[in-house]
Protein backbone atom coordinates (compact mmCIF):
# COMPACT_ATOMS: atom_id res chain seq x y z
CA MET A 1 108.41 91.45 134.78
CA GLN A 2 112.08 90.62 135.39
CA VAL A 3 114.55 90.41 132.45
CA ASP A 4 118.22 90.48 131.83
CA TYR A 5 118.11 93.40 129.44
CA ILE A 6 116.08 96.38 128.35
CA ILE A 7 116.84 97.43 124.74
CA VAL A 8 115.93 100.90 123.52
CA GLY A 9 115.70 101.05 119.74
CA ILE A 10 115.01 98.35 117.18
CA GLY A 11 117.04 99.40 114.15
CA LEU A 12 120.02 97.41 112.90
CA ALA A 13 121.97 97.93 116.15
CA GLY A 14 119.09 96.85 118.34
CA ILE A 15 118.30 93.80 116.26
CA GLY A 16 121.95 92.78 116.24
CA PHE A 17 122.09 92.90 120.03
CA CYS A 18 118.76 91.14 120.47
CA GLU A 19 120.13 88.31 118.38
CA GLN A 20 123.17 87.99 120.65
CA LEU A 21 120.80 87.75 123.59
CA LYS A 22 118.67 85.10 121.98
CA VAL A 23 121.70 82.93 121.04
CA ASN A 24 122.83 83.14 124.69
CA ASN A 25 119.39 82.54 126.23
CA LYS A 26 119.13 85.98 127.84
CA THR A 27 115.74 87.59 128.44
CA PHE A 28 114.88 91.07 127.19
CA VAL A 29 112.22 93.56 126.22
CA VAL A 30 112.43 96.33 123.60
CA PHE A 31 111.14 99.91 123.55
CA ASP A 32 110.93 101.84 120.31
CA ASP A 33 108.71 104.74 119.15
CA LYS A 34 109.53 104.71 115.41
CA SER A 35 111.03 108.20 115.67
CA GLN A 36 114.33 107.21 114.07
CA GLN A 37 114.25 106.09 110.44
CA SER A 38 117.89 105.69 109.42
CA SER A 39 117.73 101.86 109.29
CA VAL A 40 114.43 101.87 107.45
CA VAL A 41 115.70 104.09 104.66
CA ALA A 42 119.01 102.35 104.30
CA GLY A 43 119.92 100.93 100.92
CA GLY A 44 121.02 97.81 102.77
CA LEU A 45 124.18 97.06 100.69
CA TYR A 46 127.02 94.99 102.07
CA ASN A 47 130.26 95.50 100.27
CA ALA A 48 133.82 95.06 101.57
CA ILE A 49 135.29 97.83 99.38
CA VAL A 50 135.33 101.64 99.62
CA LEU A 51 134.55 102.26 95.94
CA LYS A 52 135.66 105.89 95.85
CA ARG A 53 139.26 104.99 96.71
CA PHE A 54 139.39 101.21 96.05
CA THR A 55 140.31 100.45 99.66
CA SER A 56 139.12 97.92 102.18
CA VAL A 57 136.28 98.72 104.56
CA TRP A 58 137.42 98.64 108.22
CA LYS A 59 137.37 95.02 109.47
CA SER A 60 135.19 94.02 106.50
CA LYS A 61 136.10 90.35 106.64
CA GLU A 62 135.26 90.04 110.34
CA GLN A 63 132.03 91.99 109.81
CA LEU A 64 130.86 89.77 106.93
CA GLN A 65 131.69 86.61 108.81
CA MET A 66 129.49 87.79 111.64
CA ALA A 67 126.66 89.42 109.61
CA LEU A 68 125.86 86.96 106.82
CA PRO A 69 125.20 83.92 109.12
CA MET A 70 122.97 86.15 111.31
CA TYR A 71 120.82 87.27 108.39
CA ALA A 72 120.61 83.67 107.16
CA ASN A 73 119.36 82.61 110.61
CA LEU A 74 116.86 85.48 110.63
CA GLU A 75 115.54 84.43 107.23
CA ARG A 76 114.78 81.01 108.71
CA SER A 77 113.33 82.14 112.01
CA LEU A 78 111.23 84.98 110.54
CA ASN A 79 110.32 83.09 107.33
CA VAL A 80 111.19 86.05 105.07
CA LYS A 81 113.67 86.75 102.31
CA LEU A 82 116.31 89.23 103.47
CA ASP A 83 119.63 88.55 101.74
CA TYR A 84 119.70 89.26 97.97
CA LYS A 85 123.06 88.21 96.53
CA ILE A 86 123.85 90.76 93.81
CA PRO A 87 127.15 91.98 92.33
CA VAL A 88 128.24 95.63 92.53
CA TYR A 89 129.59 97.17 89.32
CA ARG A 90 131.80 100.17 89.73
CA LYS A 91 131.67 102.36 86.64
CA PHE A 92 135.08 103.53 85.43
CA ALA A 93 135.41 107.19 84.51
CA SER A 94 138.76 106.77 82.73
CA LEU A 95 141.57 104.44 81.81
CA GLU A 96 143.40 105.68 84.85
CA GLU A 97 140.64 104.34 87.06
CA GLN A 98 140.93 100.97 85.36
CA ASN A 99 144.60 100.97 86.16
CA ASP A 100 143.94 101.96 89.82
CA TRP A 101 141.44 99.04 90.00
CA PHE A 102 144.04 96.54 88.79
CA ALA A 103 146.60 97.87 91.28
CA ALA A 104 144.08 97.53 94.07
CA SER A 105 143.19 93.95 93.07
CA ASP A 106 146.84 92.95 93.55
CA LYS A 107 146.69 93.87 97.26
CA LEU A 108 146.30 90.90 99.55
CA GLN A 109 143.35 92.18 101.59
CA LEU A 110 141.44 93.24 98.45
CA ALA A 111 142.14 90.39 96.01
CA GLU A 112 139.16 88.21 97.00
CA TYR A 113 136.71 91.08 96.54
CA LEU A 114 137.85 92.61 93.19
CA SER A 115 137.41 90.83 89.90
CA THR A 116 140.35 91.37 87.57
CA ASN A 117 138.12 91.16 84.44
CA ILE A 118 136.95 94.50 83.06
CA ILE A 119 133.31 94.19 82.15
CA LYS A 120 132.36 95.86 78.87
CA ASN A 121 129.15 97.85 78.87
CA GLU A 122 126.58 96.34 76.52
CA ASN A 123 123.55 98.17 77.91
CA ASP A 124 122.43 101.11 75.71
CA ALA A 125 120.62 102.65 78.68
CA ILE A 126 123.95 103.21 80.53
CA ASP A 127 126.73 105.59 79.56
CA ALA A 128 129.92 103.71 80.45
CA PRO A 129 132.51 103.78 77.67
CA PHE A 130 135.27 102.52 79.99
CA GLY A 131 133.20 99.67 81.36
CA PHE A 132 132.97 98.41 84.93
CA GLY A 133 134.86 96.67 87.69
CA LYS A 134 132.95 93.92 89.47
CA VAL A 135 132.99 93.70 93.26
CA LEU A 136 132.60 90.14 94.63
CA GLN A 137 130.89 88.82 97.76
CA THR A 138 128.27 91.65 97.75
CA GLY A 139 124.54 91.80 98.26
CA ARG A 140 121.62 93.70 99.71
CA ILE A 141 119.70 93.15 102.96
CA ASP A 142 116.05 94.18 102.77
CA VAL A 143 116.24 96.28 105.96
CA LYS A 144 112.69 97.38 105.98
CA CYS A 145 111.42 93.83 105.66
CA LEU A 146 113.82 92.80 108.45
CA ILE A 147 112.69 95.46 110.91
CA ASP A 148 108.95 94.97 110.15
CA ALA A 149 109.20 91.16 110.56
CA TYR A 150 111.43 91.36 113.66
CA LYS A 151 109.04 93.85 115.33
CA LYS A 152 106.06 91.66 114.47
CA GLN A 153 107.77 88.66 116.05
CA LEU A 154 108.62 90.65 119.22
CA ILE A 155 105.05 91.82 119.51
CA LYS A 156 103.84 88.20 119.16
CA GLU A 157 106.15 87.23 122.02
CA ASN A 158 105.02 90.22 124.16
CA LEU A 159 108.57 91.62 124.21
CA PHE A 160 107.93 94.91 122.39
CA PHE A 161 106.57 98.30 123.60
CA GLU A 162 105.91 100.91 120.89
CA GLU A 163 106.33 104.05 122.93
CA ALA A 164 108.79 106.80 123.58
CA PHE A 165 111.30 105.95 126.27
CA ASN A 166 111.07 108.11 129.41
CA TYR A 167 114.63 108.42 130.69
CA GLU A 168 113.52 110.11 133.91
CA ALA A 169 111.44 107.08 134.80
CA ILE A 170 114.52 104.82 135.29
CA GLU A 171 114.97 103.89 138.91
CA LEU A 172 118.58 102.87 139.46
CA LEU A 173 119.30 99.95 141.81
CA GLU A 174 122.59 98.64 143.13
CA ASN A 175 122.56 95.70 140.70
CA GLY A 176 120.28 96.91 137.90
CA MET A 177 117.24 99.09 137.40
CA VAL A 178 113.47 99.26 137.27
CA TYR A 179 111.64 100.90 134.41
CA GLN A 180 107.83 101.06 134.59
CA ASN A 181 106.92 97.49 135.52
CA THR A 182 110.17 95.93 134.31
CA LYS A 183 113.19 95.07 136.41
CA ALA A 184 116.40 94.52 134.42
CA LYS A 185 120.07 93.87 135.10
CA HIS A 186 121.28 95.97 132.16
CA ILE A 187 119.96 98.54 129.66
CA VAL A 188 121.38 99.04 126.12
CA PHE A 189 120.58 102.28 124.25
CA ALA A 190 120.53 101.63 120.50
CA GLU A 191 118.30 104.49 119.49
CA GLY A 192 120.43 106.00 116.68
CA PHE A 193 120.17 109.73 116.29
CA GLY A 194 117.64 109.68 119.16
CA VAL A 195 120.56 109.46 121.56
CA VAL A 196 120.99 113.22 121.42
CA LYS A 197 117.94 113.37 123.72
CA ASN A 198 119.38 110.73 126.03
CA PRO A 199 120.66 112.42 129.26
CA PHE A 200 123.01 109.51 129.96
CA PHE A 201 124.82 109.56 126.58
CA ASN A 202 124.05 112.91 124.96
CA THR A 203 127.68 114.03 125.23
CA LEU A 204 128.72 111.46 122.63
CA PRO A 205 130.18 113.13 119.53
CA LEU A 206 127.45 111.91 117.20
CA VAL A 207 127.20 113.72 113.84
CA PRO A 208 123.62 113.67 112.41
CA THR A 209 123.82 113.07 108.70
CA LYS A 210 120.58 113.23 106.81
CA GLY A 211 120.22 110.83 103.87
CA GLU A 212 117.56 110.75 101.19
CA LEU A 213 116.77 108.05 98.64
CA LEU A 214 114.60 107.93 95.52
CA ILE A 215 112.72 104.98 94.13
CA ILE A 216 112.42 105.20 90.37
CA GLU A 217 110.62 103.10 87.79
CA ALA A 218 112.76 102.51 84.67
CA PRO A 219 111.33 99.77 82.41
CA ASP A 220 114.11 100.05 79.81
CA LEU A 221 117.08 99.97 82.22
CA LYS A 222 117.10 96.21 82.79
CA ILE A 223 120.12 95.72 85.06
CA ASP A 224 120.61 92.83 87.48
CA PHE A 225 123.53 94.42 89.39
CA VAL A 226 124.10 97.39 91.65
CA LEU A 227 125.64 100.26 89.68
CA LYS A 228 127.99 102.59 91.51
CA ALA A 229 128.46 105.67 89.36
CA GLY A 230 128.25 108.92 91.35
CA VAL A 231 125.16 107.49 93.02
CA PHE A 232 124.18 103.89 93.84
CA LEU A 233 121.53 102.38 91.60
CA ILE A 234 120.06 99.26 93.29
CA PRO A 235 117.58 97.06 91.43
CA LEU A 236 114.50 95.90 93.29
CA LYS A 237 111.72 94.20 91.31
CA ASP A 238 109.13 95.26 88.75
CA ASP A 239 111.58 97.67 87.08
CA LEU A 240 112.04 99.61 90.33
CA TYR A 241 115.42 100.91 91.54
CA ILE A 242 116.76 102.66 94.58
CA VAL A 243 118.79 105.80 93.83
CA GLY A 244 120.90 107.20 96.60
CA ALA A 245 122.03 108.61 98.66
CA THR A 246 122.48 112.21 99.74
CA TYR A 247 124.50 113.61 102.69
CA GLU A 248 123.18 116.62 104.52
CA TRP A 249 124.54 117.97 107.84
CA GLU A 250 122.38 121.03 108.49
CA ASP A 251 118.81 119.67 108.18
CA THR A 252 118.08 117.04 110.86
CA THR A 253 114.45 116.43 110.05
CA ASN A 254 112.98 113.33 108.45
CA ARG A 255 111.21 115.43 105.79
CA ILE A 256 111.99 114.82 102.16
CA THR A 257 113.28 117.77 100.15
CA GLU A 258 113.28 118.97 96.56
CA LYS A 259 116.97 119.85 96.94
CA ALA A 260 117.90 116.22 97.57
CA LYS A 261 115.61 114.97 94.80
CA ASN A 262 117.21 117.34 92.27
CA GLU A 263 120.77 116.42 93.44
CA LEU A 264 120.11 112.72 92.94
CA LEU A 265 118.39 113.15 89.60
CA THR A 266 121.20 115.42 88.34
CA LYS A 267 123.80 112.73 89.20
CA LEU A 268 121.70 109.93 87.88
CA LYS A 269 121.13 111.54 84.51
CA LYS A 270 124.90 111.68 83.93
CA HIS A 271 125.04 107.87 83.90
CA ILE A 272 121.82 106.56 82.39
CA ASN A 273 119.95 107.73 79.27
CA CYS A 274 116.66 105.92 79.43
CA SER A 275 113.32 107.31 80.53
CA PHE A 276 112.21 106.85 84.18
CA LYS A 277 109.86 108.30 86.71
CA VAL A 278 110.22 108.93 90.43
CA VAL A 279 107.65 106.90 92.38
CA ASN A 280 108.84 107.53 95.99
CA GLN A 281 111.30 109.46 98.12
CA VAL A 282 112.34 108.77 101.71
CA ALA A 283 114.62 110.47 104.29
CA GLY A 284 116.25 109.51 107.55
CA ILE A 285 119.04 110.68 109.89
CA ARG A 286 122.12 108.52 109.99
CA PRO A 287 124.05 108.38 113.31
CA THR A 288 127.60 109.06 112.10
CA VAL A 289 130.85 109.72 113.95
CA LYS A 290 133.75 111.93 112.87
CA ASP A 291 136.24 109.05 112.98
CA ARG A 292 133.84 106.75 111.09
CA ARG A 293 133.76 104.20 113.91
CA PRO A 294 130.76 103.15 115.97
CA LEU A 295 130.05 104.32 119.53
CA VAL A 296 130.01 101.29 121.82
CA GLY A 297 130.54 101.14 125.55
CA GLN A 298 129.62 101.56 129.20
CA HIS A 299 128.43 104.64 131.03
CA ALA A 300 131.18 106.18 133.15
CA ILE A 301 129.07 106.15 136.33
CA HIS A 302 126.08 103.85 135.80
CA LYS A 303 127.80 100.62 135.10
CA ASN A 304 124.65 98.74 134.01
CA MET A 305 124.00 101.25 131.18
CA TYR A 306 125.49 100.78 127.68
CA VAL A 307 125.35 102.42 124.33
CA LEU A 308 125.40 100.81 120.81
CA ASN A 309 125.25 103.51 118.20
CA GLY A 310 127.02 105.35 115.37
CA LEU A 311 126.75 102.62 112.76
CA GLY A 312 126.79 105.27 109.98
CA THR A 313 126.27 104.16 106.40
CA ARG A 314 127.31 100.53 106.64
CA GLY A 315 124.96 99.36 109.38
CA VAL A 316 124.07 96.01 107.81
CA MET A 317 127.70 94.98 107.98
CA ILE A 318 128.90 96.52 111.16
CA GLY A 319 125.80 96.13 113.35
CA PRO A 320 126.16 92.40 114.10
CA TYR A 321 129.91 92.80 114.63
CA VAL A 322 129.67 95.55 117.28
CA ALA A 323 126.65 93.89 118.90
CA HIS A 324 128.78 90.80 119.45
CA GLN A 325 131.60 93.01 120.84
CA LEU A 326 129.25 94.65 123.34
CA TYR A 327 127.71 91.37 124.44
CA ASN A 328 131.09 89.82 125.12
CA PHE A 329 132.16 92.94 126.98
CA ILE A 330 129.13 92.85 129.29
CA GLU A 331 128.81 89.13 129.88
CA ASN A 332 132.34 87.81 129.43
CA ASP A 333 134.55 90.77 130.36
CA VAL A 334 136.16 90.80 126.94
CA PRO A 335 137.61 94.27 126.28
CA LEU A 336 136.06 96.30 123.52
CA ASP A 337 138.08 97.12 120.43
CA ASN A 338 139.71 100.44 121.19
CA GLU A 339 138.52 101.87 117.87
CA VAL A 340 134.83 101.52 118.84
CA ASP A 341 134.96 102.02 122.61
CA ILE A 342 133.50 105.38 123.61
CA LYS A 343 136.44 105.78 125.98
CA ARG A 344 138.45 106.94 122.93
CA PHE A 345 136.75 110.31 123.38
CA THR A 346 138.49 111.34 126.62
CA ASN A 347 136.42 114.48 127.10
CA LEU A 348 133.26 112.46 127.78
CA SER A 349 131.79 113.04 131.26
């Protein structure tokens, strides 16, 4: 088989890049062994505001302009529902926070995303005496549904290999490479935290950050918005809600823990006062970077090898944006944004 690209990893980064290839009529195959779960356990929110500080997410406008049309196209091509438009309510802890919200909403880059109306709490199941601020242009991508449907489509098209990638089996050529029975011009590694085992890019300063989520059933809660109050509370259907997420830097396994469960429940109980039960718990390792920017770029020696990684906690927004950047860099010689280019870490070999 001869293709333009081999893609390693089919999380949000890999899917974003595959979509760039499809739009531009490039051929590819994908390898993935299901070892990395950060995309699968993601809450899937897209939101242009950092709600802790009421500031703008980096390049949020450009990211949303790239991401939302892509997910709309995927809904049509995969015949699934992915994008659930839902507002985010930020619970205010004090009058001072209300004032900070109003001050932020006056800023040019934030005005279109922050409602200036304070929403009074009328839900007895929520403890919010100071009400909420409403974030606009927000929603949730069903990431698990996306990955499952995308993988199924790739299998149907004979483009998917569910197996661990053997880095030592790459045979480098002058104008590409051969891997197993596949000859390709380029290879893009989008394997998330799995990159730490990749001998070509394992010097990247990736910080593994474990995240755990709970799924609770709360029949009396009855909210149709995402609540941000210490934790995120994301409504699903049938009175189910996602509660998340934790941040853990020592444990790099995908095992769920009682510690994380207790942490999330302690925070949750400070904000809601209705009964609920935990019905599921999931864990995954996020590929994060100390400067909170993705890791995108070309290998220093092997010019047909590239990395697309480090999406962190906002993968549904940033994934399509950096995939587009990498594609334009490879195919059209458009320079990468300095803030995402791996060259910013000058100590890389």
